[in-house]
Amino acid sequence: VADAPYADAARTAAQKIAASMTGPAADAAQGLAARIVALPDR
């Protein structure tokens, strides 16, 4: 839901967080990410 402001920084932060996750944490994050959708930021 971090669509505005600082959305671009949030995306790069997400990439770094995802790269550090392993095991159950990584599985939970990936599973939830696949079940979230959003309308484009206006």
PDB file of all heavy atoms in Angstrom:
ATOM      1  N   VAL A   1       0.820  -1.213   0.000  1.00  0.00           N
ATOM      2  CA  VAL A   1       0.000   0.000   0.000  1.00  0.00           C
ATOM      3  C   VAL A   1       0.851   1.260   0.000  1.00  0.00           C
ATOM      4  O   VAL A   1       0.318   2.367   0.077  1.00  0.00           O
ATOM      5  CB  VAL A   1      -0.959   0.025   1.215  1.00  0.00           C
ATOM      6  CG1 VAL A   1      -1.924  -1.129   1.138  1.00  0.00           C
ATOM      7  CG2 VAL A   1      -0.180  -0.009   2.531  1.00  0.00           C
ATOM      8  N   ALA A   2       2.157   1.115  -0.093  1.00  0.00           N
ATOM      9  CA  ALA A   2       3.032   2.288  -0.121  1.00  0.00           C
ATOM     10  C   ALA A   2       3.089   2.846  -1.528  1.00  0.00           C
ATOM     11  O   ALA A   2       4.118   2.811  -2.193  1.00  0.00           O
ATOM     12  CB  ALA A   2       4.443   1.910   0.364  1.00  0.00           C
ATOM     13  N   ASP A   3       1.933   3.354  -2.021  1.00  0.00           N
ATOM     14  CA  ASP A   3       1.874   3.833  -3.391  1.00  0.00           C
ATOM     15  C   ASP A   3       2.290   5.280  -3.525  1.00  0.00           C
ATOM     16  O   ASP A   3       2.701   5.713  -4.596  1.00  0.00           O
ATOM     17  CB  ASP A   3       0.472   3.618  -3.992  1.00  0.00           C
ATOM     18  CG  ASP A   3      -0.632   4.223  -3.142  1.00  0.00           C
ATOM     19  OD1 ASP A   3      -0.314   4.745  -2.054  1.00  0.00           O
ATOM     20  OD2 ASP A   3      -1.793   4.175  -3.570  1.00  0.00           O
ATOM     21  N   ALA A   4       2.177   6.070  -2.448  1.00  0.00           N
ATOM     22  CA  ALA A   4       2.582   7.469  -2.519  1.00  0.00           C
ATOM     23  C   ALA A   4       2.620   8.006  -1.098  1.00  0.00           C
ATOM     24  O   ALA A   4       1.740   7.705  -0.299  1.00  0.00           O
ATOM     25  CB  ALA A   4       1.584   8.281  -3.341  1.00  0.00           C
ATOM     26  N   PRO A   5       3.589   8.804  -0.755  1.00  0.00           N
ATOM     27  CA  PRO A   5       4.792   9.086  -1.525  1.00  0.00           C
ATOM     28  C   PRO A   5       5.891   8.062  -1.227  1.00  0.00           C
ATOM     29  O   PRO A   5       5.665   7.113  -0.489  1.00  0.00           O
ATOM     30  CB  PRO A   5       5.179  10.474  -1.033  1.00  0.00           C
ATOM     31  CG  PRO A   5       4.724  10.475   0.399  1.00  0.00           C
ATOM     32  CD  PRO A   5       3.472   9.612   0.441  1.00  0.00           C
ATOM     33  N   TYR A   6       7.080   8.280  -1.750  1.00  0.00           N
ATOM     34  CA  TYR A   6       8.240   7.414  -1.563  1.00  0.00           C
ATOM     35  C   TYR A   6       7.992   5.997  -2.058  1.00  0.00           C
ATOM     36  O   TYR A   6       8.559   5.036  -1.544  1.00  0.00           O
ATOM     37  CB  TYR A   6       8.687   7.403  -0.084  1.00  0.00           C
ATOM     38  CG  TYR A   6       9.110   8.763   0.397  1.00  0.00           C
ATOM     39  CD1 TYR A   6       8.251   9.541   1.168  1.00  0.00           C
ATOM     40  CD2 TYR A   6      10.351   9.296   0.062  1.00  0.00           C
ATOM     41  CE1 TYR A   6       8.620  10.811   1.595  1.00  0.00           C
ATOM     42  CE2 TYR A   6      10.724  10.566   0.482  1.00  0.00           C
ATOM     43  CZ  TYR A   6       9.863  11.312   1.250  1.00  0.00           C
ATOM     44  OH  TYR A   6      10.228  12.568   1.677  1.00  0.00           O
ATOM     45  N   ALA A   7       7.154   5.849  -3.077  1.00  0.00           N
ATOM     46  CA  ALA A   7       6.845   4.519  -3.602  1.00  0.00           C
ATOM     47  C   ALA A   7       8.065   3.871  -4.247  1.00  0.00           C
ATOM     48  O   ALA A   7       8.280   2.662  -4.114  1.00  0.00           O
ATOM     49  CB  ALA A   7       5.697   4.610  -4.614  1.00  0.00           C
ATOM     50  N   ASP A   8       8.862   4.656  -4.970  1.00  0.00           N
ATOM     51  CA  ASP A   8      10.037   4.078  -5.634  1.00  0.00           C
ATOM     52  C   ASP A   8      11.036   3.548  -4.610  1.00  0.00           C
ATOM     53  O   ASP A   8      11.600   2.461  -4.780  1.00  0.00           O
ATOM     54  CB  ASP A   8      10.708   5.121  -6.540  1.00  0.00           C
ATOM     55  CG  ASP A   8       9.820   5.512  -7.715  1.00  0.00           C
ATOM     56  OD1 ASP A   8       8.933   4.703  -8.084  1.00  0.00           O
ATOM     57  OD2 ASP A   8      10.006   6.614  -8.249  1.00  0.00           O
ATOM     58  N   ALA A   9      11.258   4.319  -3.543  1.00  0.00           N
ATOM     59  CA  ALA A   9      12.169   3.867  -2.493  1.00  0.00           C
ATOM     60  C   ALA A   9      11.621   2.629  -1.800  1.00  0.00           C
ATOM     61  O   ALA A   9      12.368   1.731  -1.422  1.00  0.00           O
ATOM     62  CB  ALA A   9      12.402   4.987  -1.476  1.00  0.00           C
ATOM     63  N   ALA A  10      10.292   2.569  -1.646  1.00  0.00           N
ATOM     64  CA  ALA A  10       9.672   1.397  -1.026  1.00  0.00           C
ATOM     65  C   ALA A  10       9.899   0.154  -1.872  1.00  0.00           C
ATOM     66  O   ALA A  10      10.111  -0.940  -1.349  1.00  0.00           O
ATOM     67  CB  ALA A  10       8.176   1.628  -0.819  1.00  0.00           C
ATOM     68  N   ARG A  11       9.848   0.312  -3.189  1.00  0.00           N
ATOM     69  CA  ARG A  11      10.059  -0.842  -4.072  1.00  0.00           C
ATOM     70  C   ARG A  11      11.487  -1.374  -3.958  1.00  0.00           C
ATOM     71  O   ARG A  11      11.701  -2.584  -3.903  1.00  0.00           O
ATOM     72  CB  ARG A  11       9.738  -0.462  -5.517  1.00  0.00           C
ATOM     73  CG  ARG A  11       8.251  -0.541  -5.843  1.00  0.00           C
ATOM     74  CD  ARG A  11       8.015  -0.402  -7.329  1.00  0.00           C
ATOM     75  NE  ARG A  11       8.200   0.970  -7.778  1.00  0.00           N
ATOM     76  CZ  ARG A  11       7.229   1.882  -7.766  1.00  0.00           C
ATOM     77  NH1 ARG A  11       6.041   1.570  -7.328  1.00  0.00           N
ATOM     78  NH2 ARG A  11       7.454   3.105  -8.194  1.00  0.00           N
ATOM     79  N   THR A  12      12.476  -0.485  -3.933  1.00  0.00           N
ATOM     80  CA  THR A  12      13.856  -0.961  -3.802  1.00  0.00           C
ATOM     81  C   THR A  12      14.090  -1.569  -2.422  1.00  0.00           C
ATOM     82  O   THR A  12      14.839  -2.531  -2.284  1.00  0.00           O
ATOM     83  CB  THR A  12      14.869   0.173  -4.059  1.00  0.00           C
ATOM     84  OG1 THR A  12      14.645   1.253  -3.137  1.00  0.00           O
ATOM     85  CG2 THR A  12      14.723   0.712  -5.482  1.00  0.00           C
ATOM     86  N   ALA A  13      13.428  -1.005  -1.395  1.00  0.00           N
ATOM     87  CA  ALA A  13      13.531  -1.594  -0.059  1.00  0.00           C
ATOM     88  C   ALA A  13      12.949  -2.999  -0.057  1.00  0.00           C
ATOM     89  O   ALA A  13      13.512  -3.920   0.555  1.00  0.00           O
ATOM     90  CB  ALA A  13      12.804  -0.716   0.963  1.00  0.00           C
ATOM     91  N   ALA A  14      11.837  -3.176  -0.774  1.00  0.00           N
ATOM     92  CA  ALA A  14      11.213  -4.497  -0.843  1.00  0.00           C
ATOM     93  C   ALA A  14      12.138  -5.508  -1.497  1.00  0.00           C
ATOM     94  O   ALA A  14      12.217  -6.672  -1.087  1.00  0.00           O
ATOM     95  CB  ALA A  14       9.899  -4.413  -1.614  1.00  0.00           C
ATOM     96  N   GLN A  15      12.855  -5.072  -2.536  1.00  0.00           N
ATOM     97  CA  GLN A  15      13.792  -5.973  -3.210  1.00  0.00           C
ATOM     98  C   GLN A  15      14.906  -6.415  -2.263  1.00  0.00           C
ATOM     99  O   GLN A  15      15.295  -7.587  -2.241  1.00  0.00           O
ATOM    100  CB  GLN A  15      14.384  -5.275  -4.433  1.00  0.00           C
ATOM    101  CG  GLN A  15      13.370  -5.032  -5.542  1.00  0.00           C
ATOM    102  CD  GLN A  15      13.914  -4.151  -6.644  1.00  0.00           C
ATOM    103  OE1 GLN A  15      15.000  -3.583  -6.526  1.00  0.00           O
ATOM    104  NE2 GLN A  15      13.161  -4.018  -7.725  1.00  0.00           N
ATOM    105  N   LYS A  16      15.413  -5.476  -1.470  1.00  0.00           N
ATOM    106  CA  LYS A  16      16.491  -5.806  -0.542  1.00  0.00           C
ATOM    107  C   LYS A  16      15.999  -6.735   0.567  1.00  0.00           C
ATOM    108  O   LYS A  16      16.696  -7.670   0.972  1.00  0.00           O
ATOM    109  CB  LYS A  16      17.068  -4.524   0.062  1.00  0.00           C
ATOM    110  CG  LYS A  16      17.801  -3.651  -0.952  1.00  0.00           C
ATOM    111  CD  LYS A  16      18.261  -2.354  -0.327  1.00  0.00           C
ATOM    112  CE  LYS A  16      18.921  -1.455  -1.347  1.00  0.00           C
ATOM    113  NZ  LYS A  16      19.326  -0.152  -0.780  1.00  0.00           N
ATOM    114  N   ILE A  17      14.778  -6.453   1.061  1.00  0.00           N
ATOM    115  CA  ILE A  17      14.213  -7.305   2.108  1.00  0.00           C
ATOM    116  C   ILE A  17      13.990  -8.708   1.581  1.00  0.00           C
ATOM    117  O   ILE A  17      14.328  -9.705   2.222  1.00  0.00           O
ATOM    118  CB  ILE A  17      12.899  -6.703   2.636  1.00  0.00           C
ATOM    119  CG1 ILE A  17      13.188  -5.421   3.425  1.00  0.00           C
ATOM    120  CG2 ILE A  17      12.162  -7.706   3.521  1.00  0.00           C
ATOM    121  CD1 ILE A  17      11.946  -4.638   3.802  1.00  0.00           C
ATOM    122  N   ALA A  18      13.423  -8.803   0.364  1.00  0.00           N
ATOM    123  CA  ALA A  18      13.147 -10.112  -0.222  1.00  0.00           C
ATOM    124  C   ALA A  18      14.424 -10.907  -0.426  1.00  0.00           C
ATOM    125  O   ALA A  18      14.463 -12.128  -0.217  1.00  0.00           O
ATOM    126  CB  ALA A  18      12.419  -9.944  -1.550  1.00  0.00           C
ATOM    127  N   ALA A  19      15.500 -10.208  -0.810  1.00  0.00           N
ATOM    128  CA  ALA A  19      16.770 -10.901  -1.056  1.00  0.00           C
ATOM    129  C   ALA A  19      17.371 -11.464   0.225  1.00  0.00           C
ATOM    130  O   ALA A  19      18.147 -12.423   0.184  1.00  0.00           O
ATOM    131  CB  ALA A  19      17.763  -9.944  -1.711  1.00  0.00           C
ATOM    132  N   SER A  20      16.994 -10.887   1.383  1.00  0.00           N
ATOM    133  CA  SER A  20      17.569 -11.343   2.653  1.00  0.00           C
ATOM    134  C   SER A  20      16.750 -12.450   3.313  1.00  0.00           C
ATOM    135  O   SER A  20      17.192 -13.041   4.286  1.00  0.00           O
ATOM    136  CB  SER A  20      17.690 -10.163   3.620  1.00  0.00           C
ATOM    137  OG  SER A  20      16.425  -9.771   4.091  1.00  0.00           O
ATOM    138  N   MET A  21      15.557 -12.719   2.792  1.00  0.00           N
ATOM    139  CA  MET A  21      14.674 -13.691   3.431  1.00  0.00           C
ATOM    140  C   MET A  21      14.951 -15.112   2.977  1.00  0.00           C
ATOM    141  O   MET A  21      15.213 -15.349   1.801  1.00  0.00           O
ATOM    142  CB  MET A  21      13.207 -13.358   3.126  1.00  0.00           C
ATOM    143  CG  MET A  21      12.686 -12.120   3.790  1.00  0.00           C
ATOM    144  SD  MET A  21      10.932 -11.885   3.391  1.00  0.00           S
ATOM    145  CE  MET A  21      10.635 -10.289   4.140  1.00  0.00           C
ATOM    146  N   THR A  22      14.868 -16.027   3.902  1.00  0.00           N
ATOM    147  CA  THR A  22      14.993 -17.448   3.576  1.00  0.00           C
ATOM    148  C   THR A  22      13.992 -18.240   4.413  1.00  0.00           C
ATOM    149  O   THR A  22      13.418 -17.729   5.366  1.00  0.00           O
ATOM    150  CB  THR A  22      16.417 -17.972   3.881  1.00  0.00           C
ATOM    151  OG1 THR A  22      16.705 -17.762   5.276  1.00  0.00           O
ATOM    152  CG2 THR A  22      17.468 -17.258   3.040  1.00  0.00           C
ATOM    153  N   GLY A  23      13.786 -19.482   4.066  1.00  0.00           N
ATOM    154  CA  GLY A  23      12.953 -20.377   4.865  1.00  0.00           C
ATOM    155  C   GLY A  23      11.506 -19.955   4.952  1.00  0.00           C
ATOM    156  O   GLY A  23      10.945 -19.397   4.004  1.00  0.00           O
ATOM    157  N   PRO A  24      10.853 -20.184   6.108  1.00  0.00           N
ATOM    158  CA  PRO A  24       9.430 -19.881   6.276  1.00  0.00           C
ATOM    159  C   PRO A  24       9.081 -18.423   6.014  1.00  0.00           C
ATOM    160  O   PRO A  24       8.009 -18.118   5.496  1.00  0.00           O
ATOM    161  CB  PRO A  24       9.164 -20.252   7.734  1.00  0.00           C
ATOM    162  CG  PRO A  24      10.209 -21.256   8.070  1.00  0.00           C
ATOM    163  CD  PRO A  24      11.429 -20.843   7.305  1.00  0.00           C
ATOM    164  N   ALA A  25       9.986 -17.500   6.379  1.00  0.00           N
ATOM    165  CA  ALA A  25       9.715 -16.078   6.143  1.00  0.00           C
ATOM    166  C   ALA A  25       9.593 -15.788   4.656  1.00  0.00           C
ATOM    167  O   ALA A  25       8.693 -15.076   4.210  1.00  0.00           O
ATOM    168  CB  ALA A  25      10.818 -15.219   6.769  1.00  0.00           C
ATOM    169  N   ALA A  26      10.514 -16.327   3.862  1.00  0.00           N
ATOM    170  CA  ALA A  26      10.471 -16.122   2.413  1.00  0.00           C
ATOM    171  C   ALA A  26       9.215 -16.742   1.817  1.00  0.00           C
ATOM    172  O   ALA A  26       8.557 -16.146   0.961  1.00  0.00           O
ATOM    173  CB  ALA A  26      11.720 -16.709   1.766  1.00  0.00           C
ATOM    174  N   ASP A  27       8.851 -17.939   2.273  1.00  0.00           N
ATOM    175  CA  ASP A  27       7.651 -18.608   1.758  1.00  0.00           C
ATOM    176  C   ASP A  27       6.395 -17.804   2.077  1.00  0.00           C
ATOM    177  O   ASP A  27       5.511 -17.653   1.226  1.00  0.00           O
ATOM    178  CB  ASP A  27       7.530 -20.012   2.358  1.00  0.00           C
ATOM    179  CG  ASP A  27       8.663 -20.935   1.907  1.00  0.00           C
ATOM    180  OD1 ASP A  27       9.288 -20.628   0.873  1.00  0.00           O
ATOM    181  OD2 ASP A  27       8.908 -21.942   2.600  1.00  0.00           O
ATOM    182  N   ALA A  28       6.311 -17.279   3.308  1.00  0.00           N
ATOM    183  CA  ALA A  28       5.141 -16.498   3.703  1.00  0.00           C
ATOM    184  C   ALA A  28       5.033 -15.213   2.893  1.00  0.00           C
ATOM    185  O   ALA A  28       3.943 -14.829   2.445  1.00  0.00           O
ATOM    186  CB  ALA A  28       5.208 -16.175   5.198  1.00  0.00           C
ATOM    187  N   ALA A  29       6.175 -14.540   2.701  1.00  0.00           N
ATOM    188  CA  ALA A  29       6.175 -13.286   1.949  1.00  0.00           C
ATOM    189  C   ALA A  29       5.771 -13.518   0.499  1.00  0.00           C
ATOM    190  O   ALA A  29       4.960 -12.785  -0.071  1.00  0.00           O
ATOM    191  CB  ALA A  29       7.549 -12.630   2.026  1.00  0.00           C
ATOM    192  N   GLN A  30       6.340 -14.544  -0.116  1.00  0.00           N
ATOM    193  CA  GLN A  30       6.026 -14.840  -1.509  1.00  0.00           C
ATOM    194  C   GLN A  30       4.567 -15.262  -1.680  1.00  0.00           C
ATOM    195  O   GLN A  30       3.895 -14.864  -2.634  1.00  0.00           O
ATOM    196  CB  GLN A  30       6.964 -15.923  -2.032  1.00  0.00           C
ATOM    197  CG  GLN A  30       8.403 -15.462  -2.164  1.00  0.00           C
ATOM    198  CD  GLN A  30       9.379 -16.619  -2.357  1.00  0.00           C
ATOM    199  OE1 GLN A  30       8.966 -17.771  -2.406  1.00  0.00           O
ATOM    200  NE2 GLN A  30      10.643 -16.295  -2.469  1.00  0.00           N
ATOM    201  N   GLY A  31       4.068 -16.039  -0.726  1.00  0.00           N
ATOM    202  CA  GLY A  31       2.683 -16.486  -0.808  1.00  0.00           C
ATOM    203  C   GLY A  31       1.704 -15.340  -0.697  1.00  0.00           C
ATOM    204  O   GLY A  31       0.722 -15.273  -1.453  1.00  0.00           O
ATOM    205  N   LEU A  32       1.959 -14.413   0.227  1.00  0.00           N
ATOM    206  CA  LEU A  32       1.059 -13.278   0.389  1.00  0.00           C
ATOM    207  C   LEU A  32       1.172 -12.318  -0.791  1.00  0.00           C
ATOM    208  O   LEU A  32       0.164 -11.783  -1.267  1.00  0.00           O
ATOM    209  CB  LEU A  32       1.369 -12.547   1.695  1.00  0.00           C
ATOM    210  CG  LEU A  32       0.466 -11.352   2.008  1.00  0.00           C
ATOM    211  CD1 LEU A  32      -0.999 -11.781   2.080  1.00  0.00           C
ATOM    212  CD2 LEU A  32       0.885 -10.681   3.309  1.00  0.00           C
ATOM    213  N   ALA A  33       2.399 -12.088  -1.263  1.00  0.00           N
ATOM    214  CA  ALA A  33       2.599 -11.175  -2.403  1.00  0.00           C
ATOM    215  C   ALA A  33       1.796 -11.618  -3.615  1.00  0.00           C
ATOM    216  O   ALA A  33       1.305 -10.788  -4.389  1.00  0.00           O
ATOM    217  CB  ALA A  33       4.083 -11.084  -2.744  1.00  0.00           C
ATOM    218  N   ALA A  34       1.647 -12.926  -3.795  1.00  0.00           N
ATOM    219  CA  ALA A  34       0.903 -13.456  -4.946  1.00  0.00           C
ATOM    220  C   ALA A  34      -0.597 -13.244  -4.802  1.00  0.00           C
ATOM    221  O   ALA A  34      -1.342 -13.420  -5.775  1.00  0.00           O
ATOM    222  CB  ALA A  34       1.205 -14.940  -5.126  1.00  0.00           C
ATOM    223  N   ARG A  35      -1.050 -12.850  -3.588  1.00  0.00           N
ATOM    224  CA  ARG A  35      -2.490 -12.698  -3.358  1.00  0.00           C
ATOM    225  C   ARG A  35      -2.898 -11.252  -3.111  1.00  0.00           C
ATOM    226  O   ARG A  35      -3.991 -10.975  -2.612  1.00  0.00           O
ATOM    227  CB  ARG A  35      -2.927 -13.566  -2.168  1.00  0.00           C
ATOM    228  CG  ARG A  35      -2.727 -15.061  -2.385  1.00  0.00           C
ATOM    229  CD  ARG A  35      -3.472 -15.888  -1.330  1.00  0.00           C
ATOM    230  NE  ARG A  35      -3.007 -15.621   0.014  1.00  0.00           N
ATOM    231  CZ  ARG A  35      -1.945 -16.205   0.574  1.00  0.00           C
ATOM    232  NH1 ARG A  35      -1.236 -17.100  -0.106  1.00  0.00           N
ATOM    233  NH2 ARG A  35      -1.583 -15.920   1.821  1.00  0.00           N
ATOM    234  N   ILE A  36      -2.030 -10.302  -3.462  1.00  0.00           N
ATOM    235  CA  ILE A  36      -2.344  -8.884  -3.294  1.00  0.00           C
ATOM    236  C   ILE A  36      -2.340  -8.201  -4.656  1.00  0.00           C
ATOM    237  O   ILE A  36      -1.408  -8.361  -5.440  1.00  0.00           O
ATOM    238  CB  ILE A  36      -1.321  -8.194  -2.364  1.00  0.00           C
ATOM    239  CG1 ILE A  36      -1.446  -8.749  -0.944  1.00  0.00           C
ATOM    240  CG2 ILE A  36      -1.550  -6.681  -2.353  1.00  0.00           C
ATOM    241  CD1 ILE A  36      -0.434  -8.164   0.027  1.00  0.00           C
ATOM    242  N   VAL A  37      -3.408  -7.452  -4.952  1.00  0.00           N
ATOM    243  CA  VAL A  37      -3.481  -6.671  -6.182  1.00  0.00           C
ATOM    244  C   VAL A  37      -3.842  -5.236  -5.801  1.00  0.00           C
ATOM    245  O   VAL A  37      -4.348  -4.972  -4.716  1.00  0.00           O
ATOM    246  CB  VAL A  37      -4.527  -7.240  -7.169  1.00  0.00           C
ATOM    247  CG1 VAL A  37      -4.109  -8.610  -7.666  1.00  0.00           C
ATOM    248  CG2 VAL A  37      -5.911  -7.309  -6.531  1.00  0.00           C
ATOM    249  N   ALA A  38      -3.581  -4.297  -6.714  1.00  0.00           N
ATOM    250  CA  ALA A  38      -3.867  -2.887  -6.438  1.00  0.00           C
ATOM    251  C   ALA A  38      -4.206  -2.173  -7.736  1.00  0.00           C
ATOM    252  O   ALA A  38      -3.675  -2.517  -8.799  1.00  0.00           O
ATOM    253  CB  ALA A  38      -2.661  -2.217  -5.778  1.00  0.00           C
ATOM    254  N   LEU A  39      -5.107  -1.196  -7.643  1.00  0.00           N
ATOM    255  CA  LEU A  39      -5.369  -0.348  -8.794  1.00  0.00           C
ATOM    256  C   LEU A  39      -4.199   0.604  -8.970  1.00  0.00           C
ATOM    257  O   LEU A  39      -3.522   0.967  -7.996  1.00  0.00           O
ATOM    258  CB  LEU A  39      -6.662   0.444  -8.575  1.00  0.00           C
ATOM    259  CG  LEU A  39      -7.945  -0.385  -8.573  1.00  0.00           C
ATOM    260  CD1 LEU A  39      -9.141   0.493  -8.198  1.00  0.00           C
ATOM    261  CD2 LEU A  39      -8.182  -1.031  -9.934  1.00  0.00           C
ATOM    262  N   PRO A  40      -3.925   1.059 -10.212  1.00  0.00           N
ATOM    263  CA  PRO A  40      -2.796   1.955 -10.454  1.00  0.00           C
ATOM    264  C   PRO A  40      -2.890   3.233  -9.629  1.00  0.00           C
ATOM    265  O   PRO A  40      -3.987   3.747  -9.377  1.00  0.00           O
ATOM    266  CB  PRO A  40      -2.903   2.255 -11.962  1.00  0.00           C
ATOM    267  CG  PRO A  40      -3.661   1.105 -12.521  1.00  0.00           C
ATOM    268  CD  PRO A  40      -4.620   0.682 -11.449  1.00  0.00           C
ATOM    269  N   ASP A  41      -1.734   3.725  -9.210  1.00  0.00           N
ATOM    270  CA  ASP A  41      -1.651   4.962  -8.439  1.00  0.00           C
ATOM    271  C   ASP A  41      -2.081   6.137  -9.308  1.00  0.00           C
ATOM    272  O   ASP A  41      -1.621   6.291 -10.434  1.00  0.00           O
ATOM    273  CB  ASP A  41      -0.199   5.146  -7.967  1.00  0.00           C
ATOM    274  CG  ASP A  41      -0.002   6.435  -7.183  1.00  0.00           C
ATOM    275  OD1 ASP A  41      -0.992   6.993  -6.701  1.00  0.00           O
ATOM    276  OD2 ASP A  41       1.159   6.854  -7.064  1.00  0.00           O
ATOM    277  N   ARG A  42      -2.976   6.984  -8.764  1.00  0.00           N
ATOM    278  CA  ARG A  42      -3.448   8.133  -9.531  1.00  0.00           C
ATOM    279  C   ARG A  42      -2.519   9.338  -9.404  1.00  0.00           C
ATOM    280  O   ARG A  42      -2.701  10.335 -10.090  1.00  0.00           O
ATOM    281  CB  ARG A  42      -4.855   8.527  -9.057  1.00  0.00           C
ATOM    282  CG  ARG A  42      -5.916   7.494  -9.382  1.00  0.00           C
ATOM    283  CD  ARG A  42      -7.247   7.897  -8.790  1.00  0.00           C
ATOM    284  NE  ARG A  42      -7.211   7.896  -7.338  1.00  0.00           N
ATOM    285  CZ  ARG A  42      -8.164   8.400  -6.566  1.00  0.00           C
ATOM    286  NH1 ARG A  42      -9.231   8.956  -7.104  1.00  0.00           N
ATOM    287  NH2 ARG A  42      -8.060   8.343  -5.249  1.00  0.00           N
TER     288      ARG A  42
END
